[in-house]
Structure formats: C-alpha cells, structure tokens
Amino acid sequence: MSTEHDAKLAALIIENALGYAIFTMDLEGRITSWSRGAEQILGYSRPEAIGMLFGELFTLPDREAGADRLELENAKQRGRAEDTRWHLRKDGSRFWGNGMTMGIFGPKLTGLMKILRDETPAKLAEDQRVLLLNELNHRIKNTLATVQSITEQTLRAAQVDPEVRRELTNRLMAVSDAHNVLVDQSWAGADLGTIVRQAVAPHDHQGLSRFVIDGPLVWLSPQQAVSMALALHELATNALKYGALSTAAGQVELTWNLAHNQLGARQVNLLWRERGGPPVTPPRRTGFGTRLIARTFGQDSGGQARIDYLAHGVQCVMQLKLSGADEAPAEWSSLVAGQVGEALGEVLAQAGASKPASAEIVLG
C-alpha cells in the first residue's frame, strides 16, 4: 500500500469522524488544519480556525493559569498530554471536553495534533446524579436525626426505662453508620469487611483487640449492607451484655468466605463465634435480634441463618445470597423506614418487660 494511499485514507477518516474535533498546530500552538468534526463541536469554520491560537479554546481562568501552554509543553516533551475540562465554543458557550494533544514526528517533532471529544451530556448527567445523591443523603440523615429525637422525647415522656431507650438509639446509630459507608461509596454498595469493622469498633480496644476478623473482599448491595450492619450490632450488643464481651478474657471470631455455585450465583458464608465468656443458657423467648437475623438471612433472601447456644459461647452462621449493586437509593430509604419502625415497635413492646437474667443469652 503506497504512502499516498495511506495519507488519503487517514484524511478520509479524520474528515468523517464528526464526533471528534481533530486539528493540527505548529509548535507555537497556531492551528494549521481543522476537521469537519472540529467545526461542529467548536463552532469555528475552517477559514476562521486556521491561524488561531490554541489558547483561545480555553476559558479565561485556565489561560491565565497557563493551562494551554502547559498542555503544549507536555505534548512536546512527553509526546502526549491529556486533559478534561470545560472549553469554549465560538459563541462563548462552554462544553465539557476530553482530549489528547500529541506530537507529530517525522522523525523530529514537526507539529502537534489535538483530538477532542464533547462529553457534556455525560458530565451533566453525572453532576445531576451527584446532586440527587447529596440531596438523598441529606434527607436520610435529617430523617434519622428527627426519628431519634422524636423517639427519645416520646419514650422519656412515657417514662420508658432509660436502658430500653438506649437500645433503640444504638440501633438507629447502627443504621446511620451503615448509611455513612454507603455515602462514601456513592451508593454503589459496601465492602463487607468495612461493615464488620465498623460494627465491632465501639466494642473493641486499641492495643488489645477482642475480635479476630478475617475474610476476602465481598461487595454487598446497599440493602444487604444495612441489614448486615444491624445484625452485627445485635450480636455485638448481646455479647457485651451476656456473652463473650461481658468478660475481660472473652473474644469473638468473625470470619467469612465467598463461594460460587455451579450456576455462577455468589454466596457469602459468615461465622460469628464467641469464646471465653460466661456459660450460655438458651433463651426462653425470641428477641428482636434473633428475628432480624432470621428474616434477613432466611429463606426469603435465598440464604440461611442459624444461632447455636453452645455451652462455651454463642455461635451464629449466616449464609447470604449476594445480589447485584443495582438497587436504587430510593429503595434503600424504604428499608430504613421498615427497620426503624420494627425497632421502635420492639422497644414499645418490651417497655414493660423485665430484664432477663444475666446468665441467659437473649438476642434482642
């Protein structure tokens, strides 16, 4: 294939790549050629653009900061320079452009080429998504704070036992902590390890850990993350009152593993095992924590849950079928309402109940 044929083919491709602004410059940044795509994206006709300085496509703050000159120098020195920023069209309007400036060698550097793409729709969509997430985060935080305040005032006015009120507050805080993890990940989900360490952190001591934590990276959906946080909160609270965490020598082993079945479905198996605590007596009633774990990890979710009241300590095995990270934040907000409502109902139901004996393990 001849050099002349290659040149014609390249020119044909450049001229018809209308989704890209492609133009060349001399080493001073003066435009020497201008594609049809550049006309459409930037608004300058070919005669208008030829001879124009590269910097005129940049906003005034970027020009004053030397962004155009820096891009040219990087392309000359390193062979290429990429940037993503707001650029200017001929009519003064802005567009979000991602582009690459490259050196033209033959064999020495003889000029520069810029390939630029208008990504404004994607940028505006992302900005809108971030705005909606921030608004949702703000509303959920305010809702949780309002629920906590109203609940505390209502239960105090009803002279509900302070310990019962603290239990509800701590459950609300567990929901709030899980929410914070999801916010950090832009609602894409949460790492199980992060949820575990956050749940046990209030009960651990620096330099003398009460927990043995081990497991691979497992990504939970938003709904699974908050449910796991609440389940671990109930187990940790129970261990602090009656189990391994109620004694100085007690420890909790918290491990999990990821598995795939023959169809490729993913499942996580998590084990909570207590050691070194007081002797365990099976409970005479089913508490909120037990029901929460059974429902969250039960057959409805495609998983299983089992709590064993062994003599040397409580052991809980949870099997959870992992779902995709495609749950909308709005769907998660309904979960928060449901969990908060159930926790409040449990507190009201137990408001007049007597405290169980300290030797008895009652999850909830």
Protein backbone atom coordinates (compact mmCIF):
# COMPACT_ATOMS: atom_id res chain seq x y z
CA MET A 1 0.00 0.00 0.00
CA SER A 2 1.54 3.35 -1.06
CA THR A 3 2.30 6.27 1.21
CA GLU A 4 -0.02 8.42 -0.85
CA HIS A 5 -2.87 5.93 -0.34
CA ASP A 6 -2.22 5.89 3.44
CA ALA A 7 -2.38 9.67 3.55
CA LYS A 8 -5.68 9.79 1.64
CA LEU A 9 -7.17 7.12 3.90
CA ALA A 10 -6.11 9.00 7.05
CA ALA A 11 -7.56 12.25 5.67
CA LEU A 12 -10.83 10.48 4.84
CA ILE A 13 -11.13 9.07 8.35
CA ILE A 14 -10.35 12.41 10.00
CA GLU A 15 -12.79 14.30 7.79
CA ASN A 16 -15.67 11.95 8.59
CA ALA A 17 -15.06 11.46 12.32
CA LEU A 18 -17.74 14.03 13.13
CA GLY A 19 -17.91 13.10 16.81
CA TYR A 20 -14.37 14.36 17.33
CA ALA A 21 -12.71 17.74 16.87
CA ILE A 22 -9.38 16.94 15.17
CA PHE A 23 -6.91 19.66 14.24
CA THR A 24 -3.18 20.22 13.90
CA MET A 25 -0.96 23.02 15.19
CA ASP A 26 2.55 24.28 14.71
CA LEU A 27 4.95 24.15 17.64
CA GLU A 28 3.71 27.56 18.86
CA GLY A 29 0.13 26.32 19.12
CA ARG A 30 -1.18 28.04 15.98
CA ILE A 31 -3.84 25.97 14.22
CA THR A 32 -2.81 24.67 10.76
CA SER A 33 -5.68 22.28 9.86
CA TRP A 34 -9.30 21.91 11.03
CA SER A 35 -11.69 18.95 10.58
CA ARG A 36 -15.43 18.98 9.97
CA GLY A 37 -15.89 17.50 13.45
CA ALA A 38 -13.99 20.48 14.87
CA GLU A 39 -16.35 22.82 13.02
CA GLN A 40 -19.39 21.12 14.53
CA ILE A 41 -18.09 20.89 18.09
CA LEU A 42 -16.25 24.21 18.42
CA GLY A 43 -18.32 26.35 16.05
CA TYR A 44 -15.46 27.90 14.04
CA SER A 45 -15.40 27.41 10.29
CA ARG A 46 -12.17 26.17 8.74
CA PRO A 47 -11.10 29.62 7.46
CA GLU A 48 -11.82 31.14 10.88
CA ALA A 49 -9.84 28.49 12.76
CA ILE A 50 -6.72 28.38 10.59
CA GLY A 51 -4.10 30.62 12.21
CA MET A 52 -5.98 30.88 15.52
CA LEU A 53 -4.04 30.20 18.73
CA PHE A 54 -4.82 27.03 20.65
CA GLY A 55 -5.32 29.01 23.87
CA GLU A 56 -8.46 30.70 22.51
CA LEU A 57 -10.32 27.42 23.05
CA PHE A 58 -9.64 27.62 26.80
CA THR A 59 -11.58 29.63 29.38
CA LEU A 60 -10.02 32.85 30.64
CA PRO A 61 -9.16 31.45 34.12
CA ASP A 62 -7.43 28.47 32.50
CA ARG A 63 -5.49 30.70 30.11
CA GLU A 64 -4.36 32.94 32.94
CA ALA A 65 -3.28 29.85 34.87
CA GLY A 66 -1.23 28.75 31.86
CA ALA A 67 -3.20 25.52 31.23
CA ASP A 68 -2.96 25.83 27.42
CA ARG A 69 0.79 26.46 27.44
CA LEU A 70 1.37 23.61 29.89
CA GLU A 71 -0.55 21.19 27.66
CA LEU A 72 1.53 22.17 24.62
CA GLU A 73 4.81 21.83 26.53
CA ASN A 74 3.84 18.41 27.93
CA ALA A 75 2.97 17.22 24.42
CA LYS A 76 6.32 18.43 23.11
CA GLN A 77 8.35 16.99 25.97
CA ARG A 78 6.49 13.73 26.58
CA GLY A 79 4.86 13.10 23.22
CA ARG A 80 1.30 13.44 24.52
CA ALA A 81 -0.82 15.37 27.02
CA GLU A 82 -4.40 14.63 28.04
CA ASP A 83 -6.88 16.99 29.64
CA THR A 84 -10.54 17.05 30.66
CA ARG A 85 -12.03 20.46 31.37
CA TRP A 86 -14.64 23.00 30.32
CA HIS A 87 -13.73 24.52 26.93
CA LEU A 88 -15.18 27.42 24.94
CA ARG A 89 -17.07 27.35 21.67
CA LYS A 90 -17.08 30.28 19.23
CA ASP A 91 -20.34 31.62 20.67
CA GLY A 92 -18.84 31.67 24.17
CA SER A 93 -20.78 28.67 25.47
CA ARG A 94 -18.95 26.02 27.46
CA PHE A 95 -18.69 22.32 26.79
CA TRP A 96 -17.03 19.53 28.77
CA GLY A 97 -14.23 18.26 26.55
CA ASN A 98 -11.86 15.34 26.94
CA GLY A 99 -8.89 15.45 24.61
CA MET A 100 -5.38 14.40 23.77
CA THR A 101 -2.61 16.57 22.30
CA MET A 102 0.10 14.55 20.56
CA GLY A 103 3.39 15.33 18.90
CA ILE A 104 3.78 14.79 15.13
CA PHE A 105 7.18 13.32 14.43
CA GLY A 106 8.88 12.82 11.10
CA PRO A 107 11.34 11.80 12.60
CA LYS A 108 11.84 15.07 14.52
CA LEU A 109 8.93 16.90 16.14
CA THR A 110 7.34 18.94 13.39
CA GLY A 111 3.94 19.82 14.81
CA LEU A 112 1.09 18.87 17.16
CA MET A 113 -2.30 17.22 16.77
CA LYS A 114 -5.31 17.63 19.05
CA ILE A 115 -8.21 15.16 19.24
CA LEU A 116 -11.10 16.45 21.35
CA ARG A 117 -14.49 14.94 22.19
CA ASP A 118 -17.57 16.72 23.56
CA GLU A 119 -18.69 14.82 26.69
CA THR A 120 -21.08 17.46 28.02
CA PRO A 121 -24.19 15.19 28.21
CA ALA A 122 -22.32 12.60 30.27
CA LYS A 123 -20.87 15.32 32.52
CA LEU A 124 -24.28 16.92 33.14
CA ALA A 125 -25.82 13.51 33.85
CA GLU A 126 -23.08 12.75 36.37
CA ASP A 127 -23.48 16.16 38.02
CA GLN A 128 -27.22 15.56 38.30
CA ARG A 129 -26.64 12.11 39.80
CA VAL A 130 -24.26 13.55 42.39
CA LEU A 131 -26.73 16.33 43.19
CA LEU A 132 -29.56 13.83 43.72
CA LEU A 133 -27.35 11.59 45.87
CA ASN A 134 -26.29 14.52 48.03
CA GLU A 135 -29.91 15.55 48.45
CA LEU A 136 -30.89 11.99 49.35
CA ASN A 137 -28.01 11.71 51.83
CA HIS A 138 -29.07 14.97 53.45
CA ARG A 139 -32.70 13.92 53.73
CA ILE A 140 -31.94 10.48 55.17
CA LYS A 141 -29.57 11.98 57.75
CA ASN A 142 -32.21 14.51 58.73
CA THR A 143 -34.89 11.81 58.86
CA LEU A 144 -32.81 9.58 61.13
CA ALA A 145 -31.96 12.51 63.41
CA THR A 146 -35.63 13.52 63.56
CA VAL A 147 -36.78 9.96 64.29
CA GLN A 148 -34.16 9.64 67.02
CA SER A 149 -35.20 12.93 68.63
CA ILE A 150 -38.94 12.24 68.48
CA THR A 151 -38.49 8.70 69.76
CA GLU A 152 -36.31 9.77 72.66
CA GLN A 153 -38.75 12.50 73.72
CA THR A 154 -41.78 10.23 73.36
CA LEU A 155 -40.28 7.35 75.32
CA ARG A 156 -38.92 9.68 78.01
CA ALA A 157 -42.36 11.26 78.41
CA ALA A 158 -43.83 7.75 78.74
CA GLN A 159 -41.20 7.01 81.42
CA VAL A 160 -39.79 4.07 79.46
CA ASP A 161 -36.72 2.54 81.07
CA PRO A 162 -33.53 4.50 80.07
CA GLU A 163 -31.78 1.28 79.06
CA VAL A 164 -34.57 0.45 76.63
CA ARG A 165 -34.30 3.95 75.15
CA ARG A 166 -30.54 3.50 74.73
CA GLU A 167 -31.08 0.22 72.89
CA LEU A 168 -33.28 1.92 70.31
CA THR A 169 -30.85 4.83 69.94
CA ASN A 170 -28.00 2.41 69.34
CA ARG A 171 -29.99 0.60 66.67
CA LEU A 172 -30.67 3.89 64.94
CA MET A 173 -26.96 4.70 65.12
CA ALA A 174 -26.15 1.34 63.51
CA VAL A 175 -28.42 2.28 60.59
CA SER A 176 -26.77 5.70 60.39
CA ASP A 177 -23.26 4.21 60.39
CA ALA A 178 -24.17 1.85 57.53
CA HIS A 179 -25.59 4.84 55.67
CA ASN A 180 -22.26 6.65 56.03
CA VAL A 181 -20.39 3.74 54.42
CA LEU A 182 -22.83 3.76 51.50
CA VAL A 183 -22.41 7.51 51.09
CA ASP A 184 -18.62 7.07 50.86
CA GLN A 185 -19.17 4.60 48.01
CA SER A 186 -21.78 6.76 46.22
CA TRP A 187 -24.45 4.13 46.95
CA ALA A 188 -22.70 1.50 44.83
CA GLY A 189 -22.70 -0.82 47.85
CA ALA A 190 -20.26 -1.54 50.65
CA ASP A 191 -17.37 -3.84 51.43
CA LEU A 192 -18.36 -6.48 53.99
CA GLY A 193 -15.04 -6.02 55.81
CA THR A 194 -15.76 -2.32 56.28
CA ILE A 195 -19.25 -3.06 57.63
CA VAL A 196 -17.85 -5.67 60.03
CA ARG A 197 -15.08 -3.46 61.42
CA GLN A 198 -17.43 -0.53 61.80
CA ALA A 199 -19.96 -2.66 63.69
CA VAL A 200 -17.44 -4.00 66.21
CA ALA A 201 -15.37 -0.82 66.60
CA PRO A 202 -17.36 0.55 69.59
CA HIS A 203 -16.71 -2.70 71.48
CA ASP A 204 -13.01 -3.06 70.67
CA HIS A 205 -9.99 -1.58 72.41
CA GLN A 206 -6.86 -0.29 70.74
CA GLY A 207 -3.84 -2.46 71.51
CA LEU A 208 -5.96 -5.32 72.88
CA SER A 209 -8.41 -6.49 70.24
CA ARG A 210 -11.36 -8.58 71.34
CA PHE A 211 -12.11 -9.61 67.77
CA VAL A 212 -10.46 -11.94 65.28
CA ILE A 213 -11.61 -10.76 61.85
CA ASP A 214 -10.76 -12.49 58.60
CA GLY A 215 -12.34 -12.81 55.17
CA PRO A 216 -11.92 -11.90 51.49
CA LEU A 217 -13.30 -8.86 49.70
CA VAL A 218 -17.08 -9.23 49.40
CA TRP A 219 -19.24 -6.46 47.94
CA LEU A 220 -22.73 -6.07 49.43
CA SER A 221 -25.64 -4.25 47.87
CA PRO A 222 -26.99 -1.23 49.82
CA GLN A 223 -29.88 -3.25 51.30
CA GLN A 224 -27.59 -6.11 52.31
CA ALA A 225 -25.09 -3.68 53.84
CA VAL A 226 -27.58 -2.08 56.22
CA SER A 227 -29.15 -5.43 57.12
CA MET A 228 -25.71 -6.88 57.90
CA ALA A 229 -24.82 -3.83 59.99
CA LEU A 230 -28.00 -4.24 62.08
CA ALA A 231 -27.47 -7.99 62.51
CA LEU A 232 -23.87 -7.50 63.68
CA HIS A 233 -25.00 -4.72 66.01
CA GLU A 234 -27.48 -7.10 67.67
CA LEU A 235 -24.86 -9.83 68.04
CA ALA A 236 -22.28 -7.42 69.45
CA THR A 237 -24.76 -5.87 71.88
CA ASN A 238 -25.83 -9.29 73.08
CA ALA A 239 -22.20 -10.38 73.54
CA LEU A 240 -21.49 -7.21 75.54
CA LYS A 241 -24.43 -7.79 77.88
CA TYR A 242 -24.37 -11.53 78.37
CA GLY A 243 -21.70 -13.15 76.20
CA ALA A 244 -18.00 -13.11 75.43
CA LEU A 245 -17.62 -9.33 75.53
CA SER A 246 -19.01 -9.20 79.08
CA THR A 247 -15.75 -10.66 80.45
CA ALA A 248 -12.15 -9.49 80.14
CA ALA A 249 -10.96 -12.77 78.63
CA GLY A 250 -13.76 -13.13 76.09
CA GLN A 251 -13.17 -12.99 72.35
CA VAL A 252 -15.25 -13.07 69.18
CA GLU A 253 -14.12 -14.72 65.97
CA LEU A 254 -15.73 -13.16 62.92
CA THR A 255 -14.85 -14.83 59.62
CA TRP A 256 -16.46 -15.18 56.22
CA ASN A 257 -15.86 -16.70 52.82
CA LEU A 258 -17.12 -16.20 49.27
CA ALA A 259 -18.39 -19.10 47.15
CA HIS A 260 -19.93 -19.64 43.71
CA ASN A 261 -22.35 -22.46 42.93
CA GLN A 262 -22.49 -24.45 39.69
CA LEU A 263 -24.68 -21.77 38.08
CA GLY A 264 -22.29 -18.96 38.99
CA ALA A 265 -24.50 -17.48 41.74
CA ARG A 266 -22.44 -15.90 44.52
CA GLN A 267 -22.92 -16.57 48.22
CA VAL A 268 -21.15 -15.42 51.34
CA ASN A 269 -20.95 -17.58 54.48
CA LEU A 270 -20.27 -15.64 57.68
CA LEU A 271 -19.48 -17.10 61.10
CA TRP A 272 -19.78 -15.27 64.44
CA ARG A 273 -18.26 -17.39 67.23
CA GLU A 274 -17.81 -16.34 70.86
CA ARG A 275 -15.26 -17.80 73.30
CA GLY A 276 -14.18 -17.07 76.85
CA GLY A 277 -17.49 -15.71 78.08
CA PRO A 278 -19.83 -16.98 80.81
CA PRO A 279 -21.73 -20.27 80.39
CA VAL A 280 -24.59 -19.96 77.93
CA THR A 281 -28.22 -20.82 78.60
CA PRO A 282 -30.62 -20.98 75.61
CA PRO A 283 -33.15 -18.14 75.79
CA ARG A 284 -36.77 -18.64 76.80
CA ARG A 285 -38.03 -16.12 74.26
CA THR A 286 -37.17 -14.86 70.78
CA GLY A 287 -35.87 -11.30 70.76
CA PHE A 288 -35.66 -8.62 68.09
CA GLY A 289 -32.10 -9.58 67.13
CA THR A 290 -32.97 -13.22 66.55
CA ARG A 291 -35.96 -12.31 64.39
CA LEU A 292 -33.94 -9.73 62.46
CA ILE A 293 -31.21 -12.25 61.64
CA ALA A 294 -33.71 -14.97 60.75
CA ARG A 295 -35.62 -12.68 58.40
CA THR A 296 -32.59 -11.05 56.78
CA PHE A 297 -30.70 -14.26 56.15
CA GLY A 298 -33.68 -16.61 55.89
CA GLN A 299 -35.34 -18.33 53.00
CA ASP A 300 -36.91 -15.13 51.66
CA SER A 301 -33.44 -13.87 50.70
CA GLY A 302 -32.27 -17.23 49.39
CA GLY A 303 -29.99 -17.76 52.38
CA GLN A 304 -29.99 -19.39 55.79
CA ALA A 305 -29.29 -18.37 59.38
CA ARG A 306 -28.65 -20.45 62.47
CA ILE A 307 -27.87 -19.41 66.03
CA ASP A 308 -26.42 -22.10 68.30
CA TYR A 309 -26.34 -21.55 72.06
CA LEU A 310 -23.28 -23.67 72.80
CA ALA A 311 -22.03 -24.00 76.36
CA HIS A 312 -18.78 -22.16 75.63
CA GLY A 313 -20.40 -19.32 73.66
CA VAL A 314 -22.97 -18.20 71.11
CA GLN A 315 -22.29 -19.17 67.51
CA CYS A 316 -24.15 -17.68 64.56
CA VAL A 317 -23.83 -18.90 60.97
CA MET A 318 -25.26 -16.67 58.24
CA GLN A 319 -25.46 -17.59 54.56
CA LEU A 320 -26.39 -14.74 52.26
CA LYS A 321 -27.05 -14.87 48.54
CA LEU A 322 -25.31 -11.86 47.02
CA SER A 323 -27.34 -9.62 44.75
CA GLY A 324 -26.18 -7.04 42.25
CA ALA A 325 -25.31 -3.48 43.22
CA ASP A 326 -28.24 -2.13 41.21
CA GLU A 327 -30.60 -1.16 44.00
CA ALA A 328 -31.72 2.43 43.81
CA PRO A 329 -31.08 4.63 46.86
CA ALA A 330 -34.80 5.34 46.99
CA GLU A 331 -35.42 1.63 47.51
CA TRP A 332 -32.92 1.64 50.35
CA SER A 333 -34.72 4.53 52.04
CA SER A 334 -37.85 2.35 52.33
CA LEU A 335 -35.70 -0.31 54.00
CA VAL A 336 -34.52 2.26 56.57
CA ALA A 337 -38.12 3.16 57.35
CA GLY A 338 -39.01 -0.51 57.81
CA GLN A 339 -36.04 -1.28 60.06
CA VAL A 340 -36.59 1.82 62.18
CA GLY A 341 -40.32 1.08 62.50
CA GLU A 342 -39.70 -2.50 63.61
CA ALA A 343 -37.03 -1.44 66.10
CA LEU A 344 -39.41 1.13 67.59
CA GLY A 345 -42.22 -1.43 67.79
CA GLU A 346 -39.89 -3.83 69.60
CA VAL A 347 -38.94 -1.20 72.16
CA LEU A 348 -42.55 -0.29 72.82
CA ALA A 349 -43.48 -3.96 73.16
CA GLN A 350 -40.68 -4.51 75.67
CA ALA A 351 -41.11 -1.27 77.54
CA GLY A 352 -42.74 -3.00 80.47
CA ALA A 353 -40.82 -6.28 80.25
CA SER A 354 -38.38 -7.25 82.97
CA LYS A 355 -34.69 -7.60 82.19
CA PRO A 356 -33.60 -11.24 81.60
CA ALA A 357 -31.15 -12.95 83.92
CA SER A 358 -27.51 -12.17 83.16
CA ALA A 359 -26.65 -15.82 82.58
CA GLU A 360 -29.20 -16.07 79.76
CA ILE A 361 -28.43 -15.15 76.18
CA VAL A 362 -31.31 -13.28 74.58
CA LEU A 363 -30.61 -11.72 71.17
CA GLY A 364 -32.70 -8.60 71.40
